[in-house]
């Protein structure tokens, strides 16, 4: 009887090791996927910051041109097309 109990304990322990190893691999794959998503989001964040900087810069230039140089947009009826 003690041998059967010992064999059952060894089997249970082996199944526990197999389950732990499988779970570890599943979590590792999930970790890699999340890291790839993080990296992609970091790239997108950098692109969005660059785009925001570009838009903010153009807006500032337009504001300075309107205020200091008193420039304004031309109406469509004031545009003259010159053909070669």
PDB file of N, CA and C in Angstrom:
ATOM      1  N   UNK A   1       0.802  -1.203   0.000  1.00  0.00           N
ATOM      2  CA  UNK A   1       0.000   0.000   0.000  1.00  0.00           C
ATOM      3  C   UNK A   1       0.848   1.271   0.000  1.00  0.00           C
ATOM      4  N   UNK A   2       1.899   1.352   0.812  1.00  0.00           N
ATOM      5  CA  UNK A   2       2.698   2.573   0.799  1.00  0.00           C
ATOM      6  C   UNK A   2       3.373   2.807  -0.550  1.00  0.00           C
ATOM      7  N   UNK A   3       3.691   1.734  -1.280  1.00  0.00           N
ATOM      8  CA  UNK A   3       4.318   1.892  -2.591  1.00  0.00           C
ATOM      9  C   UNK A   3       3.312   2.495  -3.577  1.00  0.00           C
ATOM     10  N   UNK A   4       2.087   2.068  -3.525  1.00  0.00           N
ATOM     11  CA  UNK A   4       1.049   2.608  -4.409  1.00  0.00           C
ATOM     12  C   UNK A   4       0.803   4.078  -4.092  1.00  0.00           C
ATOM     13  N   UNK A   5       0.812   4.409  -2.804  1.00  0.00           N
ATOM     14  CA  UNK A   5       0.632   5.805  -2.403  1.00  0.00           C
ATOM     15  C   UNK A   5       1.808   6.655  -2.874  1.00  0.00           C
ATOM     16  N   UNK A   6       3.002   6.123  -2.764  1.00  0.00           N
ATOM     17  CA  UNK A   6       4.191   6.828  -3.233  1.00  0.00           C
ATOM     18  C   UNK A   6       4.153   6.998  -4.750  1.00  0.00           C
ATOM     19  N   UNK A   7       3.734   5.964  -5.469  1.00  0.00           N
ATOM     20  CA  UNK A   7       3.620   6.046  -6.926  1.00  0.00           C
ATOM     21  C   UNK A   7       2.572   7.079  -7.324  1.00  0.00           C
ATOM     22  N   UNK A   8       1.481   7.135  -6.613  1.00  0.00           N
ATOM     23  CA  UNK A   8       0.439   8.128  -6.875  1.00  0.00           C
ATOM     24  C   UNK A   8       0.966   9.547  -6.612  1.00  0.00           C
ATOM     25  N   UNK A   9       1.738   9.721  -5.565  1.00  0.00           N
ATOM     26  CA  UNK A   9       2.324  11.030  -5.256  1.00  0.00           C
ATOM     27  C   UNK A   9       3.314  11.445  -6.340  1.00  0.00           C
ATOM     28  N   UNK A  10       4.118  10.497  -6.812  1.00  0.00           N
ATOM     29  CA  UNK A  10       5.072  10.801  -7.886  1.00  0.00           C
ATOM     30  C   UNK A  10       4.328  11.181  -9.160  1.00  0.00           C
ATOM     31  N   UNK A  11       3.262  10.459  -9.486  1.00  0.00           N
ATOM     32  CA  UNK A  11       2.467  10.766 -10.667  1.00  0.00           C
ATOM     33  C   UNK A  11       1.824  12.146 -10.556  1.00  0.00           C
ATOM     34  N   UNK A  12       1.279  12.441  -9.394  1.00  0.00           N
ATOM     35  CA  UNK A  12       0.660  13.754  -9.177  1.00  0.00           C
ATOM     36  C   UNK A  12       1.707  14.861  -9.298  1.00  0.00           C
ATOM     37  N   UNK A  13       2.873  14.621  -8.760  1.00  0.00           N
ATOM     38  CA  UNK A  13       3.957  15.602  -8.853  1.00  0.00           C
ATOM     39  C   UNK A  13       4.382  15.815 -10.311  1.00  0.00           C
ATOM     40  N   UNK A  14       4.482  14.730 -11.061  1.00  0.00           N
ATOM     41  CA  UNK A  14       4.855  14.829 -12.474  1.00  0.00           C
ATOM     42  C   UNK A  14       3.814  15.603 -13.257  1.00  0.00           C
ATOM     43  N   UNK A  15       2.532  15.324 -12.991  1.00  0.00           N
ATOM     44  CA  UNK A  15       1.468  16.074 -13.670  1.00  0.00           C
ATOM     45  C   UNK A  15       1.515  17.558 -13.300  1.00  0.00           C
ATOM     46  N   UNK A  16       1.848  17.843 -12.055  1.00  0.00           N
ATOM     47  CA  UNK A  16       1.988  19.231 -11.620  1.00  0.00           C
ATOM     48  C   UNK A  16       3.112  19.944 -12.345  1.00  0.00           C
ATOM     49  N   UNK A  17       4.225  19.269 -12.548  1.00  0.00           N
ATOM     50  CA  UNK A  17       5.365  19.842 -13.270  1.00  0.00           C
ATOM     51  C   UNK A  17       4.992  20.106 -14.723  1.00  0.00           C
ATOM     52  N   UNK A  18       4.300  19.134 -15.344  1.00  0.00           N
ATOM     53  CA  UNK A  18       3.879  19.296 -16.738  1.00  0.00           C
ATOM     54  C   UNK A  18       2.934  20.489 -16.869  1.00  0.00           C
ATOM     55  N   UNK A  19       1.970  20.597 -15.939  1.00  0.00           N
ATOM     56  CA  UNK A  19       1.021  21.720 -15.986  1.00  0.00           C
ATOM     57  C   UNK A  19       1.745  23.049 -15.783  1.00  0.00           C
ATOM     58  N   UNK A  20       2.666  23.101 -14.822  1.00  0.00           N
ATOM     59  CA  UNK A  20       3.399  24.334 -14.552  1.00  0.00           C
ATOM     60  C   UNK A  20       4.237  24.743 -15.759  1.00  0.00           C
ATOM     61  N   UNK A  21       4.867  23.796 -16.406  1.00  0.00           N
ATOM     62  CA  UNK A  21       5.689  24.091 -17.582  1.00  0.00           C
ATOM     63  C   UNK A  21       4.807  24.605 -18.730  1.00  0.00           C
ATOM     64  N   UNK A  22       3.667  23.963 -18.952  1.00  0.00           N
ATOM     65  CA  UNK A  22       2.743  24.402 -19.997  1.00  0.00           C
ATOM     66  C   UNK A  22       2.251  25.816 -19.710  1.00  0.00           C
ATOM     67  N   UNK A  23       1.851  26.057 -18.471  1.00  0.00           N
ATOM     68  CA  UNK A  23       1.347  27.387 -18.097  1.00  0.00           C
ATOM     69  C   UNK A  23       2.441  28.437 -18.270  1.00  0.00           C
ATOM     70  N   UNK A  24       3.653  28.090 -17.934  1.00  0.00           N
ATOM     71  CA  UNK A  24       4.787  29.003 -18.099  1.00  0.00           C
ATOM     72  C   UNK A  24       4.977  29.366 -19.570  1.00  0.00           C
ATOM     73  N   UNK A  25       4.885  28.389 -20.448  1.00  0.00           N
ATOM     74  CA  UNK A  25       5.041  28.655 -21.881  1.00  0.00           C
ATOM     75  C   UNK A  25       3.915  29.527 -22.422  1.00  0.00           C
ATOM     76  N   UNK A  26       2.691  29.258 -21.982  1.00  0.00           N
ATOM     77  CA  UNK A  26       1.543  30.065 -22.420  1.00  0.00           C
ATOM     78  C   UNK A  26       1.728  31.520 -21.974  1.00  0.00           C
ATOM     79  N   UNK A  27       2.127  31.704 -20.735  1.00  0.00           N
ATOM     80  CA  UNK A  27       2.328  33.063 -20.223  1.00  0.00           C
ATOM     81  C   UNK A  27       3.496  33.766 -20.915  1.00  0.00           C
ATOM     82  N   UNK A  28       4.540  33.002 -21.268  1.00  0.00           N
ATOM     83  CA  UNK A  28       5.677  33.594 -21.965  1.00  0.00           C
ATOM     84  C   UNK A  28       5.273  34.087 -23.360  1.00  0.00           C
ATOM     85  N   UNK A  29       4.472  33.302 -24.061  1.00  0.00           N
ATOM     86  CA  UNK A  29       3.974  33.704 -25.378  1.00  0.00           C
ATOM     87  C   UNK A  29       3.110  34.959 -25.246  1.00  0.00           C
ATOM     88  N   UNK A  30       2.263  34.977 -24.233  1.00  0.00           N
ATOM     89  CA  UNK A  30       1.406  36.145 -23.998  1.00  0.00           C
ATOM     90  C   UNK A  30       2.256  37.371 -23.666  1.00  0.00           C
ATOM     91  N   UNK A  31       3.291  37.195 -22.887  1.00  0.00           N
ATOM     92  CA  UNK A  31       4.195  38.295 -22.555  1.00  0.00           C
ATOM     93  C   UNK A  31       4.855  38.859 -23.812  1.00  0.00           C
ATOM     94  N   UNK A  32       5.314  37.969 -24.696  1.00  0.00           N
ATOM     95  CA  UNK A  32       5.940  38.434 -25.940  1.00  0.00           C
ATOM     96  C   UNK A  32       4.955  39.215 -26.801  1.00  0.00           C
ATOM     97  N   UNK A  33       3.722  38.755 -26.885  1.00  0.00           N
ATOM     98  CA  UNK A  33       2.705  39.464 -27.670  1.00  0.00           C
ATOM     99  C   UNK A  33       2.435  40.845 -27.084  1.00  0.00           C
ATOM    100  N   UNK A  34       2.340  40.913 -25.761  1.00  0.00           N
ATOM    101  CA  UNK A  34       2.094  42.203 -25.114  1.00  0.00           C
ATOM    102  C   UNK A  34       3.275  43.159 -25.287  1.00  0.00           C
ATOM    103  N   UNK A  35       4.489  42.628 -25.272  1.00  0.00           N
ATOM    104  CA  UNK A  35       5.660  43.471 -25.499  1.00  0.00           C
ATOM    105  C   UNK A  35       5.678  44.011 -26.925  1.00  0.00           C
ATOM    106  N   UNK A  36       5.266  43.191 -27.890  1.00  0.00           N
ATOM    107  CA  UNK A  36       5.182  43.665 -29.273  1.00  0.00           C
ATOM    108  C   UNK A  36       4.124  44.745 -29.411  1.00  0.00           C
ATOM    109  N   UNK A  37       2.986  44.568 -28.748  1.00  0.00           N
ATOM    110  CA  UNK A  37       1.947  45.600 -28.766  1.00  0.00           C
ATOM    111  C   UNK A  37       2.458  46.889 -28.134  1.00  0.00           C
ATOM    112  N   UNK A  38       3.190  46.766 -27.023  1.00  0.00           N
ATOM    113  CA  UNK A  38       3.753  47.938 -26.357  1.00  0.00           C
ATOM    114  C   UNK A  38       4.716  48.677 -27.285  1.00  0.00           C
ATOM    115  N   UNK A  39       5.569  47.917 -27.958  1.00  0.00           N
ATOM    116  CA  UNK A  39       6.526  48.539 -28.862  1.00  0.00           C
ATOM    117  C   UNK A  39       5.820  49.248 -30.015  1.00  0.00           C
ATOM    118  N   UNK A  40       4.778  48.610 -30.556  1.00  0.00           N
ATOM    119  CA  UNK A  40       4.016  49.239 -31.643  1.00  0.00           C
ATOM    120  C   UNK A  40       3.320  50.496 -31.153  1.00  0.00           C
ATOM    121  N   UNK A  41       2.795  50.463 -29.941  1.00  0.00           N
ATOM    122  CA  UNK A  41       2.141  51.649 -29.391  1.00  0.00           C
ATOM    123  C   UNK A  41       3.146  52.762 -29.116  1.00  0.00           C
ATOM    124  N   UNK A  42       4.355  52.405 -28.695  1.00  0.00           N
ATOM    125  CA  UNK A  42       5.392  53.417 -28.489  1.00  0.00           C
ATOM    126  C   UNK A  42       5.765  54.094 -29.804  1.00  0.00           C
ATOM    127  N   UNK A  43       5.845  53.315 -30.874  1.00  0.00           N
ATOM    128  CA  UNK A  43       6.139  53.889 -32.187  1.00  0.00           C
ATOM    129  C   UNK A  43       5.008  54.821 -32.610  1.00  0.00           C
ATOM    130  N   UNK A  44       3.769  54.361 -32.440  1.00  0.00           N
ATOM    131  CA  UNK A  44       2.619  55.200 -32.806  1.00  0.00           C
ATOM    132  C   UNK A  44       2.587  56.470 -31.962  1.00  0.00           C
ATOM    133  N   UNK A  45       2.900  56.364 -30.677  1.00  0.00           N
ATOM    134  CA  UNK A  45       2.925  57.530 -29.793  1.00  0.00           C
ATOM    135  C   UNK A  45       3.966  58.538 -30.279  1.00  0.00           C
ATOM    136  N   UNK A  46       5.125  58.064 -30.657  1.00  0.00           N
ATOM    137  CA  UNK A  46       6.157  58.956 -31.176  1.00  0.00           C
ATOM    138  C   UNK A  46       5.703  59.643 -32.457  1.00  0.00           C
ATOM    139  N   UNK A  47       5.036  58.903 -33.334  1.00  0.00           N
ATOM    140  CA  UNK A  47       4.540  59.501 -34.579  1.00  0.00           C
ATOM    141  C   UNK A  47       3.470  60.542 -34.290  1.00  0.00           C
ATOM    142  N   UNK A  48       2.598  60.255 -33.335  1.00  0.00           N
ATOM    143  CA  UNK A  48       1.558  61.219 -32.978  1.00  0.00           C
ATOM    144  C   UNK A  48       2.153  62.474 -32.341  1.00  0.00           C
ATOM    145  N   UNK A  49       3.182  62.319 -31.537  1.00  0.00           N
ATOM    146  CA  UNK A  49       3.840  63.487 -30.952  1.00  0.00           C
ATOM    147  C   UNK A  49       4.495  64.335 -32.036  1.00  0.00           C
ATOM    148  N   UNK A  50       5.119  63.673 -32.997  1.00  0.00           N
ATOM    149  CA  UNK A  50       5.741  64.395 -34.107  1.00  0.00           C
ATOM    150  C   UNK A  50       4.691  65.136 -34.918  1.00  0.00           C
ATOM    151  N   UNK A  51       3.562  64.481 -35.187  1.00  0.00           N
ATOM    152  CA  UNK A  51       2.478  65.113 -35.937  1.00  0.00           C
ATOM    153  C   UNK A  51       1.915  66.307 -35.166  1.00  0.00           C
ATOM    154  N   UNK A  52       1.738  66.150 -33.870  1.00  0.00           N
ATOM    155  CA  UNK A  52       1.235  67.249 -33.046  1.00  0.00           C
ATOM    156  C   UNK A  52       2.204  68.422 -33.067  1.00  0.00           C
ATOM    157  N   UNK A  53       3.470  68.117 -32.995  1.00  0.00           N
ATOM    158  CA  UNK A  53       4.484  69.170 -33.048  1.00  0.00           C
ATOM    159  C   UNK A  53       4.432  69.910 -34.380  1.00  0.00           C
ATOM    160  N   UNK A  54       4.247  69.164 -35.456  1.00  0.00           N
ATOM    161  CA  UNK A  54       4.174  69.776 -36.775  1.00  0.00           C
ATOM    162  C   UNK A  54       2.954  70.673 -36.887  1.00  0.00           C
ATOM    163  N   UNK A  55       1.801  70.185 -36.455  1.00  0.00           N
ATOM    164  CA  UNK A  55       0.587  70.994 -36.542  1.00  0.00           C
ATOM    165  C   UNK A  55       0.683  72.222 -35.649  1.00  0.00           C
ATOM    166  N   UNK A  56       1.219  72.062 -34.478  1.00  0.00           N
ATOM    167  CA  UNK A  56       1.332  73.198 -33.563  1.00  0.00           C
ATOM    168  C   UNK A  56       2.272  74.238 -34.145  1.00  0.00           C
ATOM    169  N   UNK A  57       3.307  73.808 -34.785  1.00  0.00           N
ATOM    170  CA  UNK A  57       4.272  74.729 -35.362  1.00  0.00           C
ATOM    171  C   UNK A  57       3.640  75.533 -36.503  1.00  0.00           C
ATOM    172  N   UNK A  58       2.903  74.893 -37.383  1.00  0.00           N
ATOM    173  CA  UNK A  58       2.261  75.590 -38.495  1.00  0.00           C
ATOM    174  C   UNK A  58       1.229  76.581 -37.980  1.00  0.00           C
ATOM    175  N   UNK A  59       0.509  76.221 -36.963  1.00  0.00           N
ATOM    176  CA  UNK A  59      -0.496  77.110 -36.392  1.00  0.00           C
ATOM    177  C   UNK A  59       0.167  78.345 -35.803  1.00  0.00           C
ATOM    178  N   UNK A  60       1.274  78.137 -35.157  1.00  0.00           N
ATOM    179  CA  UNK A  60       2.001  79.264 -34.561  1.00  0.00           C
ATOM    180  C   UNK A  60       2.516  80.208 -35.642  1.00  0.00           C
ATOM    181  N   UNK A  61       3.037  79.647 -36.720  1.00  0.00           N
ATOM    182  CA  UNK A  61       3.528  80.476 -37.817  1.00  0.00           C
ATOM    183  C   UNK A  61       2.389  81.289 -38.420  1.00  0.00           C
ATOM    184  N   UNK A  62       1.248  80.645 -38.609  1.00  0.00           N
ATOM    185  CA  UNK A  62       0.101  81.364 -39.174  1.00  0.00           C
ATOM    186  C   UNK A  62      -0.347  82.479 -38.232  1.00  0.00           C
ATOM    187  N   UNK A  63      -0.364  82.205 -36.967  1.00  0.00           N
ATOM    188  CA  UNK A  63      -0.778  83.212 -35.992  1.00  0.00           C
ATOM    189  C   UNK A  63       0.178  84.399 -36.004  1.00  0.00           C
ATOM    190  N   UNK A  64       1.455  84.143 -36.069  1.00  0.00           N
ATOM    191  CA  UNK A  64       2.443  85.230 -36.109  1.00  0.00           C
ATOM    192  C   UNK A  64       2.296  86.019 -37.405  1.00  0.00           C
ATOM    193  N   UNK A  65       2.082  85.320 -38.517  1.00  0.00           N
ATOM    194  CA  UNK A  65       1.916  86.011 -39.799  1.00  0.00           C
ATOM    195  C   UNK A  65       0.686  86.910 -39.779  1.00  0.00           C
ATOM    196  N   UNK A  66      -0.382  86.468 -39.189  1.00  0.00           N
ATOM    197  CA  UNK A  66      -1.601  87.286 -39.122  1.00  0.00           C
ATOM    198  C   UNK A  66      -1.405  88.497 -38.196  1.00  0.00           C
ATOM    199  N   UNK A  67      -0.777  88.281 -37.072  1.00  0.00           N
ATOM    200  CA  UNK A  67      -0.664  89.337 -36.082  1.00  0.00           C
ATOM    201  C   UNK A  67       0.426  90.351 -36.444  1.00  0.00           C
ATOM    202  N   UNK A  68       1.634  89.874 -36.674  1.00  0.00           N
ATOM    203  CA  UNK A  68       2.755  90.785 -36.889  1.00  0.00           C
ATOM    204  C   UNK A  68       2.799  91.347 -38.306  1.00  0.00           C
ATOM    205  N   UNK A  69       2.550  90.496 -39.285  1.00  0.00           N
ATOM    206  CA  UNK A  69       2.667  90.925 -40.685  1.00  0.00           C
ATOM    207  C   UNK A  69       1.326  91.324 -41.283  1.00  0.00           C
ATOM    208  N   UNK A  70       0.274  91.136 -40.515  1.00  0.00           N
ATOM    209  CA  UNK A  70      -1.084  91.462 -40.965  1.00  0.00           C
ATOM    210  C   UNK A  70      -1.427  90.774 -42.286  1.00  0.00           C
ATOM    211  N   UNK A  71      -1.023  89.511 -42.372  1.00  0.00           N
ATOM    212  CA  UNK A  71      -1.331  88.722 -43.562  1.00  0.00           C
ATOM    213  C   UNK A  71      -2.703  88.083 -43.389  1.00  0.00           C
ATOM    214  N   UNK A  72      -3.331  87.738 -44.488  1.00  0.00           N
ATOM    215  CA  UNK A  72      -4.622  87.082 -44.444  1.00  0.00           C
ATOM    216  C   UNK A  72      -4.755  86.151 -45.640  1.00  0.00           C
ATOM    217  N   UNK A  73      -5.729  85.265 -45.570  1.00  0.00           N
ATOM    218  CA  UNK A  73      -5.979  84.339 -46.673  1.00  0.00           C
ATOM    219  C   UNK A  73      -6.611  85.092 -47.837  1.00  0.00           C
ATOM    220  N   UNK A  74      -6.257  84.696 -49.027  1.00  0.00           N
ATOM    221  CA  UNK A  74      -6.790  85.327 -50.228  1.00  0.00           C
ATOM    222  C   UNK A  74      -8.124  84.673 -50.575  1.00  0.00           C
ATOM    223  N   UNK A  75      -9.098  85.501 -50.957  1.00  0.00           N
ATOM    224  CA  UNK A  75     -10.376  84.962 -51.417  1.00  0.00           C
ATOM    225  C   UNK A  75     -10.197  84.326 -52.780  1.00  0.00           C
ATOM    226  N   UNK A  76     -11.020  83.352 -53.064  1.00  0.00           N
ATOM    227  CA  UNK A  76     -10.906  82.611 -54.323  1.00  0.00           C
ATOM    228  C   UNK A  76     -11.084  83.537 -55.532  1.00  0.00           C
ATOM    229  N   UNK A  77     -11.975  84.522 -55.435  1.00  0.00           N
ATOM    230  CA  UNK A  77     -12.211  85.424 -56.578  1.00  0.00           C
ATOM    231  C   UNK A  77     -11.051  86.389 -56.816  1.00  0.00           C
ATOM    232  N   UNK A  78     -10.107  86.471 -55.898  1.00  0.00           N
ATOM    233  CA  UNK A  78      -8.940  87.323 -56.062  1.00  0.00           C
ATOM    234  C   UNK A  78      -7.765  86.595 -56.697  1.00  0.00           C
ATOM    235  N   UNK A  79      -7.876  85.280 -56.878  1.00  0.00           N
ATOM    236  CA  UNK A  79      -6.776  84.491 -57.433  1.00  0.00           C
ATOM    237  C   UNK A  79      -6.771  84.641 -58.949  1.00  0.00           C
ATOM    238  N   UNK A  80      -5.588  84.907 -59.489  1.00  0.00           N
ATOM    239  CA  UNK A  80      -5.413  85.033 -60.948  1.00  0.00           C
ATOM    240  C   UNK A  80      -4.504  83.903 -61.399  1.00  0.00           C
ATOM    241  N   UNK A  81      -4.976  83.121 -62.349  1.00  0.00           N
ATOM    242  CA  UNK A  81      -4.196  82.014 -62.880  1.00  0.00           C
ATOM    243  C   UNK A  81      -3.438  82.498 -64.118  1.00  0.00           C
ATOM    244  N   UNK A  82      -2.139  82.234 -64.138  1.00  0.00           N
ATOM    245  CA  UNK A  82      -1.306  82.608 -65.275  1.00  0.00           C
ATOM    246  C   UNK A  82      -0.874  81.332 -65.958  1.00  0.00           C
ATOM    247  N   UNK A  83      -1.170  81.257 -67.236  1.00  0.00           N
ATOM    248  CA  UNK A  83      -0.809  80.063 -67.999  1.00  0.00           C
ATOM    249  C   UNK A  83       0.380  80.390 -68.887  1.00  0.00           C
ATOM    250  N   UNK A  84       1.292  79.472 -69.036  1.00  0.00           N
ATOM    251  CA  UNK A  84       2.493  79.716 -69.872  1.00  0.00           C
ATOM    252  C   UNK A  84       2.177  79.753 -71.343  1.00  0.00           C
TER     253      UNK A  84
END
